[in-house]
Amino acid sequence: DLIVGVDSTFATPVFLRPLEFGIDIVMHSTTKYLSGHNQLIGGVLVTNRKDLFDQMKYVQKTIGAVSSPFDCWLNLMGLKTLHLRMARHAETAGKVAEYLEAH
């Protein structure tokens, strides 16, 4: 069986939810939009498949690949404004597209 993964860092869950389209693993760099302020280095893997979750959890526990509590807190603070920030990005992108179309 083929496992399909998608890097959805720049789309964020606000604009794209790959699991709803049958994707097996979704990757996000929390350093970018999710945390909001580039204050940390991190990433997340998301799946709704129990078998993949169990494998990823085993690797995470075995090698100790976990974020610090402070980094988790920073991520949570960034998530609080994610929808607002992504709406502003979309609005700005629309204005840029309109300008480029007119010139």
PDB file of N, CA and C in Angstrom:
ATOM      1  N   ASP A   1       0.833  -1.191   0.000  1.00  0.00           N
ATOM      2  CA  ASP A   1       0.000   0.000   0.000  1.00  0.00           C
ATOM      3  C   ASP A   1       0.873   1.249   0.000  1.00  0.00           C
ATOM      4  N   LEU A   2       0.459   2.223  -0.757  1.00  0.00           N
ATOM      5  CA  LEU A   2       1.167   3.488  -0.856  1.00  0.00           C
ATOM      6  C   LEU A   2       0.662   4.442   0.222  1.00  0.00           C
ATOM      7  N   ILE A   3       1.592   5.034   0.959  1.00  0.00           N
ATOM      8  CA  ILE A   3       1.246   6.038   1.957  1.00  0.00           C
ATOM      9  C   ILE A   3       1.492   7.403   1.328  1.00  0.00           C
ATOM     10  N   VAL A   4       0.472   8.255   1.374  1.00  0.00           N
ATOM     11  CA  VAL A   4       0.566   9.572   0.746  1.00  0.00           C
ATOM     12  C   VAL A   4       0.661  10.640   1.834  1.00  0.00           C
ATOM     13  N   GLY A   5       1.671  11.492   1.700  1.00  0.00           N
ATOM     14  CA  GLY A   5       1.859  12.591   2.637  1.00  0.00           C
ATOM     15  C   GLY A   5       1.830  13.920   1.916  1.00  0.00           C
ATOM     16  N   VAL A   6       1.378  14.950   2.611  1.00  0.00           N
ATOM     17  CA  VAL A   6       1.289  16.292   2.046  1.00  0.00           C
ATOM     18  C   VAL A   6       1.911  17.278   3.033  1.00  0.00           C
ATOM     19  N   ASP A   7       2.750  18.171   2.512  1.00  0.00           N
ATOM     20  CA  ASP A   7       3.256  19.273   3.319  1.00  0.00           C
ATOM     21  C   ASP A   7       2.280  20.429   3.151  1.00  0.00           C
ATOM     22  N   SER A   8       1.547  20.710   4.189  1.00  0.00           N
ATOM     23  CA  SER A   8       0.510  21.745   4.136  1.00  0.00           C
ATOM     24  C   SER A   8       0.907  22.978   4.946  1.00  0.00           C
ATOM     25  N   THR A   9       2.208  23.185   5.079  1.00  0.00           N
ATOM     26  CA  THR A   9       2.726  24.289   5.891  1.00  0.00           C
ATOM     27  C   THR A   9       2.152  25.630   5.482  1.00  0.00           C
ATOM     28  N   PHE A  10       2.201  25.942   4.201  1.00  0.00           N
ATOM     29  CA  PHE A  10       1.806  27.281   3.767  1.00  0.00           C
ATOM     30  C   PHE A  10       0.299  27.430   3.588  1.00  0.00           C
ATOM     31  N   ALA A  11      -0.411  26.342   3.376  1.00  0.00           N
ATOM     32  CA  ALA A  11      -1.871  26.432   3.272  1.00  0.00           C
ATOM     33  C   ALA A  11      -2.503  26.525   4.657  1.00  0.00           C
ATOM     34  N   THR A  12      -1.910  25.882   5.617  1.00  0.00           N
ATOM     35  CA  THR A  12      -2.408  25.760   6.991  1.00  0.00           C
ATOM     36  C   THR A  12      -3.769  25.071   7.000  1.00  0.00           C
ATOM     37  N   PRO A  13      -4.204  24.603   8.157  1.00  0.00           N
ATOM     38  CA  PRO A  13      -5.527  23.978   8.238  1.00  0.00           C
ATOM     39  C   PRO A  13      -6.673  24.946   7.943  1.00  0.00           C
ATOM     40  N   VAL A  14      -6.385  26.234   7.922  1.00  0.00           N
ATOM     41  CA  VAL A  14      -7.430  27.212   7.602  1.00  0.00           C
ATOM     42  C   VAL A  14      -7.895  27.041   6.163  1.00  0.00           C
ATOM     43  N   PHE A  15      -6.957  26.816   5.243  1.00  0.00           N
ATOM     44  CA  PHE A  15      -7.287  26.744   3.821  1.00  0.00           C
ATOM     45  C   PHE A  15      -7.302  25.329   3.250  1.00  0.00           C
ATOM     46  N   LEU A  16      -6.658  24.388   3.898  1.00  0.00           N
ATOM     47  CA  LEU A  16      -6.578  23.038   3.338  1.00  0.00           C
ATOM     48  C   LEU A  16      -6.520  22.008   4.451  1.00  0.00           C
ATOM     49  N   ARG A  17      -7.375  21.001   4.337  1.00  0.00           N
ATOM     50  CA  ARG A  17      -7.410  19.898   5.301  1.00  0.00           C
ATOM     51  C   ARG A  17      -7.264  18.587   4.533  1.00  0.00           C
ATOM     52  N   PRO A  18      -6.027  18.222   4.232  1.00  0.00           N
ATOM     53  CA  PRO A  18      -5.766  17.064   3.369  1.00  0.00           C
ATOM     54  C   PRO A  18      -6.340  15.743   3.871  1.00  0.00           C
ATOM     55  N   LEU A  19      -6.462  15.566   5.178  1.00  0.00           N
ATOM     56  CA  LEU A  19      -7.019  14.311   5.688  1.00  0.00           C
ATOM     57  C   LEU A  19      -8.441  14.096   5.179  1.00  0.00           C
ATOM     58  N   GLU A  20      -9.167  15.176   4.946  1.00  0.00           N
ATOM     59  CA  GLU A  20     -10.538  15.072   4.444  1.00  0.00           C
ATOM     60  C   GLU A  20     -10.589  14.590   2.997  1.00  0.00           C
ATOM     61  N   PHE A  21      -9.441  14.603   2.317  1.00  0.00           N
ATOM     62  CA  PHE A  21      -9.356  14.140   0.930  1.00  0.00           C
ATOM     63  C   PHE A  21      -8.670  12.787   0.819  1.00  0.00           C
ATOM     64  N   GLY A  22      -8.479  12.114   1.952  1.00  0.00           N
ATOM     65  CA  GLY A  22      -7.904  10.781   1.935  1.00  0.00           C
ATOM     66  C   GLY A  22      -6.393  10.720   2.064  1.00  0.00           C
ATOM     67  N   ILE A  23      -5.737  11.841   2.317  1.00  0.00           N
ATOM     68  CA  ILE A  23      -4.292  11.848   2.514  1.00  0.00           C
ATOM     69  C   ILE A  23      -3.986  11.147   3.834  1.00  0.00           C
ATOM     70  N   ASP A  24      -2.887  10.406   3.872  1.00  0.00           N
ATOM     71  CA  ASP A  24      -2.552   9.618   5.055  1.00  0.00           C
ATOM     72  C   ASP A  24      -1.827  10.416   6.142  1.00  0.00           C
ATOM     73  N   ILE A  25      -0.883  11.261   5.742  1.00  0.00           N
ATOM     74  CA  ILE A  25      -0.090  12.034   6.701  1.00  0.00           C
ATOM     75  C   ILE A  25      -0.001  13.479   6.216  1.00  0.00           C
ATOM     76  N   VAL A  26      -0.238  14.404   7.115  1.00  0.00           N
ATOM     77  CA  VAL A  26      -0.104  15.828   6.809  1.00  0.00           C
ATOM     78  C   VAL A  26       1.034  16.383   7.652  1.00  0.00           C
ATOM     79  N   MET A  27       1.908  17.131   6.995  1.00  0.00           N
ATOM     80  CA  MET A  27       3.053  17.730   7.674  1.00  0.00           C
ATOM     81  C   MET A  27       2.874  19.241   7.729  1.00  0.00           C
ATOM     82  N   HIS A  28       3.283  19.820   8.846  1.00  0.00           N
ATOM     83  CA  HIS A  28       3.306  21.271   9.001  1.00  0.00           C
ATOM     84  C   HIS A  28       4.611  21.654   9.672  1.00  0.00           C
ATOM     85  N   SER A  29       5.241  22.700   9.179  1.00  0.00           N
ATOM     86  CA  SER A  29       6.336  23.317   9.914  1.00  0.00           C
ATOM     87  C   SER A  29       5.691  24.332  10.837  1.00  0.00           C
ATOM     88  N   THR A  30       5.786  24.100  12.134  1.00  0.00           N
ATOM     89  CA  THR A  30       5.173  25.045  13.071  1.00  0.00           C
ATOM     90  C   THR A  30       5.974  26.337  13.157  1.00  0.00           C
ATOM     91  N   THR A  31       7.152  26.327  12.566  1.00  0.00           N
ATOM     92  CA  THR A  31       7.994  27.521  12.539  1.00  0.00           C
ATOM     93  C   THR A  31       7.356  28.623  11.702  1.00  0.00           C
ATOM     94  N   LYS A  32       6.568  28.253  10.729  1.00  0.00           N
ATOM     95  CA  LYS A  32       5.992  29.232   9.798  1.00  0.00           C
ATOM     96  C   LYS A  32       4.680  29.791  10.349  1.00  0.00           C
ATOM     97  N   TYR A  33       3.583  29.539   9.681  1.00  0.00           N
ATOM     98  CA  TYR A  33       2.318  30.182  10.009  1.00  0.00           C
ATOM     99  C   TYR A  33       1.691  29.722  11.322  1.00  0.00           C
ATOM    100  N   LEU A  34       1.814  28.461  11.672  1.00  0.00           N
ATOM    101  CA  LEU A  34       1.099  27.980  12.850  1.00  0.00           C
ATOM    102  C   LEU A  34       1.511  28.710  14.119  1.00  0.00           C
ATOM    103  N   SER A  35       2.808  28.868  14.343  1.00  0.00           N
ATOM    104  CA  SER A  35       3.245  29.572  15.557  1.00  0.00           C
ATOM    105  C   SER A  35       3.055  31.074  15.417  1.00  0.00           C
ATOM    106  N   GLY A  36       3.146  31.564  14.212  1.00  0.00           N
ATOM    107  CA  GLY A  36       2.820  32.954  13.959  1.00  0.00           C
ATOM    108  C   GLY A  36       3.953  33.950  13.979  1.00  0.00           C
ATOM    109  N   HIS A  37       5.001  33.670  14.686  1.00  0.00           N
ATOM    110  CA  HIS A  37       6.023  34.696  14.849  1.00  0.00           C
ATOM    111  C   HIS A  37       7.441  34.179  14.652  1.00  0.00           C
ATOM    112  N   ASN A  38       7.606  33.006  14.093  1.00  0.00           N
ATOM    113  CA  ASN A  38       8.935  32.428  13.862  1.00  0.00           C
ATOM    114  C   ASN A  38       9.791  32.434  15.122  1.00  0.00           C
ATOM    115  N   GLN A  39       9.182  32.144  16.253  1.00  0.00           N
ATOM    116  CA  GLN A  39       9.888  32.154  17.527  1.00  0.00           C
ATOM    117  C   GLN A  39      10.449  30.790  17.906  1.00  0.00           C
ATOM    118  N   LEU A  40      10.157  29.783  17.133  1.00  0.00           N
ATOM    119  CA  LEU A  40      10.574  28.442  17.506  1.00  0.00           C
ATOM    120  C   LEU A  40      10.824  27.620  16.255  1.00  0.00           C
ATOM    121  N   ILE A  41      11.449  26.489  16.458  1.00  0.00           N
ATOM    122  CA  ILE A  41      11.647  25.540  15.366  1.00  0.00           C
ATOM    123  C   ILE A  41      10.868  24.288  15.737  1.00  0.00           C
ATOM    124  N   GLY A  42       9.982  23.881  14.855  1.00  0.00           N
ATOM    125  CA  GLY A  42       9.189  22.708  15.167  1.00  0.00           C
ATOM    126  C   GLY A  42       8.410  22.231  13.966  1.00  0.00           C
ATOM    127  N   GLY A  43       7.785  21.100  14.156  1.00  0.00           N
ATOM    128  CA  GLY A  43       6.966  20.525  13.108  1.00  0.00           C
ATOM    129  C   GLY A  43       5.946  19.591  13.705  1.00  0.00           C
ATOM    130  N   VAL A  44       4.994  19.226  12.886  1.00  0.00           N
ATOM    131  CA  VAL A  44       3.948  18.327  13.341  1.00  0.00           C
ATOM    132  C   VAL A  44       3.574  17.392  12.202  1.00  0.00           C
ATOM    133  N   LEU A  45       3.305  16.154  12.558  1.00  0.00           N
ATOM    134  CA  LEU A  45       2.758  15.167  11.625  1.00  0.00           C
ATOM    135  C   LEU A  45       1.376  14.797  12.133  1.00  0.00           C
ATOM    136  N   VAL A  46       0.402  14.796  11.239  1.00  0.00           N
ATOM    137  CA  VAL A  46      -0.977  14.510  11.613  1.00  0.00           C
ATOM    138  C   VAL A  46      -1.484  13.366  10.755  1.00  0.00           C
ATOM    139  N   THR A  47      -2.178  12.437  11.383  1.00  0.00           N
ATOM    140  CA  THR A  47      -2.798  11.336  10.645  1.00  0.00           C
ATOM    141  C   THR A  47      -4.089  10.948  11.346  1.00  0.00           C
ATOM    142  N   ASN A  48      -4.992  10.346  10.606  1.00  0.00           N
ATOM    143  CA  ASN A  48      -6.191   9.790  11.229  1.00  0.00           C
ATOM    144  C   ASN A  48      -6.193   8.266  11.132  1.00  0.00           C
ATOM    145  N   ARG A  49      -5.030   7.718  10.746  1.00  0.00           N
ATOM    146  CA  ARG A  49      -4.872   6.264  10.670  1.00  0.00           C
ATOM    147  C   ARG A  49      -4.185   5.763  11.935  1.00  0.00           C
ATOM    148  N   LYS A  50      -4.833   4.872  12.652  1.00  0.00           N
ATOM    149  CA  LYS A  50      -4.295   4.343  13.909  1.00  0.00           C
ATOM    150  C   LYS A  50      -2.956   3.661  13.710  1.00  0.00           C
ATOM    151  N   ASP A  51      -2.788   2.903  12.627  1.00  0.00           N
ATOM    152  CA  ASP A  51      -1.524   2.199  12.409  1.00  0.00           C
ATOM    153  C   ASP A  51      -0.367   3.177  12.221  1.00  0.00           C
ATOM    154  N   LEU A  52      -0.583   4.231  11.461  1.00  0.00           N
ATOM    155  CA  LEU A  52       0.470   5.233  11.267  1.00  0.00           C
ATOM    156  C   LEU A  52       0.718   6.020  12.548  1.00  0.00           C
ATOM    157  N   PHE A  53      -0.349   6.334  13.265  1.00  0.00           N
ATOM    158  CA  PHE A  53      -0.202   7.043  14.531  1.00  0.00           C
ATOM    159  C   PHE A  53       0.669   6.247  15.493  1.00  0.00           C
ATOM    160  N   ASP A  54       0.388   4.954  15.607  1.00  0.00           N
ATOM    161  CA  ASP A  54       1.168   4.108  16.517  1.00  0.00           C
ATOM    162  C   ASP A  54       2.641   4.069  16.118  1.00  0.00           C
ATOM    163  N   GLN A  55       2.916   3.986  14.828  1.00  0.00           N
ATOM    164  CA  GLN A  55       4.307   3.978  14.361  1.00  0.00           C
ATOM    165  C   GLN A  55       4.990   5.315  14.646  1.00  0.00           C
ATOM    166  N   MET A  56       4.307   6.408  14.368  1.00  0.00           N
ATOM    167  CA  MET A  56       4.901   7.730  14.604  1.00  0.00           C
ATOM    168  C   MET A  56       5.104   7.978  16.098  1.00  0.00           C
ATOM    169  N   LYS A  57       4.154   7.542  16.906  1.00  0.00           N
ATOM    170  CA  LYS A  57       4.278   7.708  18.353  1.00  0.00           C
ATOM    171  C   LYS A  57       5.470   6.916  18.881  1.00  0.00           C
ATOM    172  N   TYR A  58       5.666   5.703  18.367  1.00  0.00           N
ATOM    173  CA  TYR A  58       6.808   4.889  18.788  1.00  0.00           C
ATOM    174  C   TYR A  58       8.121   5.602  18.464  1.00  0.00           C
ATOM    175  N   VAL A  59       8.244   6.105  17.246  1.00  0.00           N
ATOM    176  CA  VAL A  59       9.476   6.808  16.852  1.00  0.00           C
ATOM    177  C   VAL A  59       9.668   8.044  17.722  1.00  0.00           C
ATOM    178  N   GLN A  60       8.602   8.790  17.942  1.00  0.00           N
ATOM    179  CA  GLN A  60       8.693  10.002  18.764  1.00  0.00           C
ATOM    180  C   GLN A  60       9.185   9.669  20.170  1.00  0.00           C
ATOM    181  N   LYS A  61       8.621   8.650  20.778  1.00  0.00           N
ATOM    182  CA  LYS A  61       9.019   8.279  22.132  1.00  0.00           C
ATOM    183  C   LYS A  61      10.426   7.696  22.170  1.00  0.00           C
ATOM    184  N   THR A  62      10.796   6.953  21.123  1.00  0.00           N
ATOM    185  CA  THR A  62      12.101   6.298  21.096  1.00  0.00           C
ATOM    186  C   THR A  62      13.240   7.294  20.958  1.00  0.00           C
ATOM    187  N   ILE A  63      13.068   8.291  20.096  1.00  0.00           N
ATOM    188  CA  ILE A  63      14.162   9.239  19.870  1.00  0.00           C
ATOM    189  C   ILE A  63      13.978  10.543  20.649  1.00  0.00           C
ATOM    190  N   GLY A  64      12.871  10.676  21.361  1.00  0.00           N
ATOM    191  CA  GLY A  64      12.658  11.865  22.178  1.00  0.00           C
ATOM    192  C   GLY A  64      12.353  13.115  21.389  1.00  0.00           C
ATOM    193  N   ALA A  65      11.682  12.952  20.260  1.00  0.00           N
ATOM    194  CA  ALA A  65      11.387  14.091  19.383  1.00  0.00           C
ATOM    195  C   ALA A  65      10.135  14.812  19.859  1.00  0.00           C
ATOM    196  N   VAL A  66      10.285  15.556  20.945  1.00  0.00           N
ATOM    197  CA  VAL A  66       9.153  16.304  21.479  1.00  0.00           C
ATOM    198  C   VAL A  66       9.561  17.758  21.692  1.00  0.00           C
ATOM    199  N   SER A  67       8.602  18.637  21.535  1.00  0.00           N
ATOM    200  CA  SER A  67       8.846  20.060  21.769  1.00  0.00           C
ATOM    201  C   SER A  67       8.878  20.342  23.265  1.00  0.00           C
ATOM    202  N   SER A  68       9.543  21.407  23.624  1.00  0.00           N
ATOM    203  CA  SER A  68       9.555  21.820  25.029  1.00  0.00           C
ATOM    204  C   SER A  68       8.181  22.377  25.399  1.00  0.00           C
ATOM    205  N   PRO A  69       7.849  22.376  26.678  1.00  0.00           N
ATOM    206  CA  PRO A  69       6.573  22.968  27.086  1.00  0.00           C
ATOM    207  C   PRO A  69       6.444  24.429  26.654  1.00  0.00           C
ATOM    208  N   PHE A  70       7.538  25.174  26.710  1.00  0.00           N
ATOM    209  CA  PHE A  70       7.483  26.583  26.311  1.00  0.00           C
ATOM    210  C   PHE A  70       7.191  26.718  24.820  1.00  0.00           C
ATOM    211  N   ASP A  71       7.836  25.886  23.987  1.00  0.00           N
ATOM    212  CA  ASP A  71       7.556  25.924  22.549  1.00  0.00           C
ATOM    213  C   ASP A  71       6.102  25.555  22.263  1.00  0.00           C
ATOM    214  N   CYS A  72       5.570  24.599  23.013  1.00  0.00           N
ATOM    215  CA  CYS A  72       4.157  24.236  22.843  1.00  0.00           C
ATOM    216  C   CYS A  72       3.259  25.420  23.196  1.00  0.00           C
ATOM    217  N   TRP A  73       3.599  26.125  24.247  1.00  0.00           N
ATOM    218  CA  TRP A  73       2.830  27.303  24.642  1.00  0.00           C
ATOM    219  C   TRP A  73       2.893  28.373  23.552  1.00  0.00           C
ATOM    220  N   LEU A  74       4.096  28.600  22.996  1.00  0.00           N
ATOM    221  CA  LEU A  74       4.225  29.576  21.910  1.00  0.00           C
ATOM    222  C   LEU A  74       3.359  29.183  20.717  1.00  0.00           C
ATOM    223  N   ASN A  75       3.331  27.889  20.403  1.00  0.00           N
ATOM    224  CA  ASN A  75       2.476  27.419  19.309  1.00  0.00           C
ATOM    225  C   ASN A  75       1.006  27.701  19.603  1.00  0.00           C
ATOM    226  N   LEU A  76       0.583  27.424  20.815  1.00  0.00           N
ATOM    227  CA  LEU A  76      -0.813  27.681  21.176  1.00  0.00           C
ATOM    228  C   LEU A  76      -1.158  29.158  21.058  1.00  0.00           C
ATOM    229  N   MET A  77      -0.250  30.022  21.459  1.00  0.00           N
ATOM    230  CA  MET A  77      -0.490  31.465  21.330  1.00  0.00           C
ATOM    231  C   MET A  77      -0.631  31.855  19.854  1.00  0.00           C
ATOM    232  N   GLY A  78       0.201  31.272  18.993  1.00  0.00           N
ATOM    233  CA  GLY A  78       0.106  31.554  17.565  1.00  0.00           C
ATOM    234  C   GLY A  78      -1.180  31.039  16.950  1.00  0.00           C
ATOM    235  N   LEU A  79      -1.636  29.884  17.413  1.00  0.00           N
ATOM    236  CA  LEU A  79      -2.870  29.310  16.867  1.00  0.00           C
ATOM    237  C   LEU A  79      -4.088  30.177  17.162  1.00  0.00           C
ATOM    238  N   LYS A  80      -4.028  30.927  18.249  1.00  0.00           N
ATOM    239  CA  LYS A  80      -5.166  31.782  18.610  1.00  0.00           C
ATOM    240  C   LYS A  80      -5.448  32.846  17.553  1.00  0.00           C
ATOM    241  N   THR A  81      -4.422  33.261  16.823  1.00  0.00           N
ATOM    242  CA  THR A  81      -4.609  34.310  15.814  1.00  0.00           C
ATOM    243  C   THR A  81      -4.460  33.787  14.386  1.00  0.00           C
ATOM    244  N   LEU A  82      -4.360  32.475  14.218  1.00  0.00           N
ATOM    245  CA  LEU A  82      -4.124  31.901  12.889  1.00  0.00           C
ATOM    246  C   LEU A  82      -5.205  32.296  11.889  1.00  0.00           C
ATOM    247  N   HIS A  83      -6.469  32.153  12.245  1.00  0.00           N
ATOM    248  CA  HIS A  83      -7.546  32.488  11.303  1.00  0.00           C
ATOM    249  C   HIS A  83      -7.489  33.958  10.891  1.00  0.00           C
ATOM    250  N   LEU A  84      -7.242  34.823  11.833  1.00  0.00           N
ATOM    251  CA  LEU A  84      -7.144  36.252  11.534  1.00  0.00           C
ATOM    252  C   LEU A  84      -5.976  36.534  10.594  1.00  0.00           C
ATOM    253  N   ARG A  85      -4.818  35.946  10.878  1.00  0.00           N
ATOM    254  CA  ARG A  85      -3.642  36.175  10.040  1.00  0.00           C
ATOM    255  C   ARG A  85      -3.825  35.618   8.639  1.00  0.00           C
ATOM    256  N   MET A  86      -4.424  34.446   8.520  1.00  0.00           N
ATOM    257  CA  MET A  86      -4.622  33.848   7.200  1.00  0.00           C
ATOM    258  C   MET A  86      -5.663  34.630   6.398  1.00  0.00           C
ATOM    259  N   ALA A  87      -6.677  35.156   7.066  1.00  0.00           N
ATOM    260  CA  ALA A  87      -7.659  35.995   6.367  1.00  0.00           C
ATOM    261  C   ALA A  87      -6.980  37.240   5.805  1.00  0.00           C
ATOM    262  N   ARG A  88      -6.081  37.824   6.566  1.00  0.00           N
ATOM    263  CA  ARG A  88      -5.362  39.011   6.093  1.00  0.00           C
ATOM    264  C   ARG A  88      -4.441  38.657   4.933  1.00  0.00           C
ATOM    265  N   HIS A  89      -3.777  37.502   5.011  1.00  0.00           N
ATOM    266  CA  HIS A  89      -2.926  37.062   3.891  1.00  0.00           C
ATOM    267  C   HIS A  89      -3.757  36.909   2.620  1.00  0.00           C
ATOM    268  N   ALA A  90      -4.928  36.287   2.751  1.00  0.00           N
ATOM    269  CA  ALA A  90      -5.789  36.067   1.585  1.00  0.00           C
ATOM    270  C   ALA A  90      -6.273  37.394   1.011  1.00  0.00           C
ATOM    271  N   GLU A  91      -6.630  38.320   1.879  1.00  0.00           N
ATOM    272  CA  GLU A  91      -7.082  39.639   1.427  1.00  0.00           C
ATOM    273  C   GLU A  91      -5.963  40.362   0.675  1.00  0.00           C
ATOM    274  N   THR A  92      -4.775  40.333   1.229  1.00  0.00           N
ATOM    275  CA  THR A  92      -3.630  40.986   0.588  1.00  0.00           C
ATOM    276  C   THR A  92      -3.297  40.328  -0.743  1.00  0.00           C
ATOM    277  N   ALA A  93      -3.325  39.002  -0.784  1.00  0.00           N
ATOM    278  CA  ALA A  93      -3.040  38.289  -2.034  1.00  0.00           C
ATOM    279  C   ALA A  93      -4.064  38.649  -3.106  1.00  0.00           C
ATOM    280  N   GLY A  94      -5.322  38.796  -2.714  1.00  0.00           N
ATOM    281  CA  GLY A  94      -6.356  39.198  -3.665  1.00  0.00           C
ATOM    282  C   GLY A  94      -6.098  40.577  -4.242  1.00  0.00           C
ATOM    283  N   LYS A  95      -5.662  41.493  -3.398  1.00  0.00           N
ATOM    284  CA  LYS A  95      -5.356  42.848  -3.872  1.00  0.00           C
ATOM    285  C   LYS A  95      -4.156  42.849  -4.812  1.00  0.00           C
ATOM    286  N   VAL A  96      -3.153  42.056  -4.502  1.00  0.00           N
ATOM    287  CA  VAL A  96      -1.983  41.945  -5.388  1.00  0.00           C
ATOM    288  C   VAL A  96      -2.403  41.367  -6.733  1.00  0.00           C
ATOM    289  N   ALA A  97      -3.249  40.324  -6.710  1.00  0.00           N
ATOM    290  CA  ALA A  97      -3.719  39.708  -7.958  1.00  0.00           C
ATOM    291  C   ALA A  97      -4.515  40.707  -8.796  1.00  0.00           C
ATOM    292  N   GLU A  98      -5.373  41.486  -8.157  1.00  0.00           N
ATOM    293  CA  GLU A  98      -6.144  42.505  -8.883  1.00  0.00           C
ATOM    294  C   GLU A  98      -5.220  43.545  -9.508  1.00  0.00           C
ATOM    295  N   TYR A  99      -4.226  43.968  -8.773  1.00  0.00           N
ATOM    296  CA  TYR A  99      -3.277  44.948  -9.297  1.00  0.00           C
ATOM    297  C   TYR A  99      -2.527  44.381 -10.499  1.00  0.00           C
ATOM    298  N   LEU A 100      -2.035  43.162 -10.369  1.00  0.00           N
ATOM    299  CA  LEU A 100      -1.280  42.547 -11.463  1.00  0.00           C
ATOM    300  C   LEU A 100      -2.155  42.329 -12.695  1.00  0.00           C
ATOM    301  N   GLU A 101      -3.408  41.968 -12.478  1.00  0.00           N
ATOM    302  CA  GLU A 101      -4.320  41.756 -13.601  1.00  0.00           C
ATOM    303  C   GLU A 101      -4.572  43.059 -14.358  1.00  0.00           C
ATOM    304  N   ALA A 102      -4.574  44.167 -13.643  1.00  0.00           N
ATOM    305  CA  ALA A 102      -4.852  45.467 -14.260  1.00  0.00           C
ATOM    306  C   ALA A 102      -3.632  46.080 -14.943  1.00  0.00           C
ATOM    307  N   HIS A 103      -2.469  45.525 -14.717  1.00  0.00           N
ATOM    308  CA  HIS A 103      -1.256  46.138 -15.283  1.00  0.00           C
ATOM    309  C   HIS A 103      -0.542  45.188 -16.205  1.00  0.00           C
TER     310      HIS A 103
END
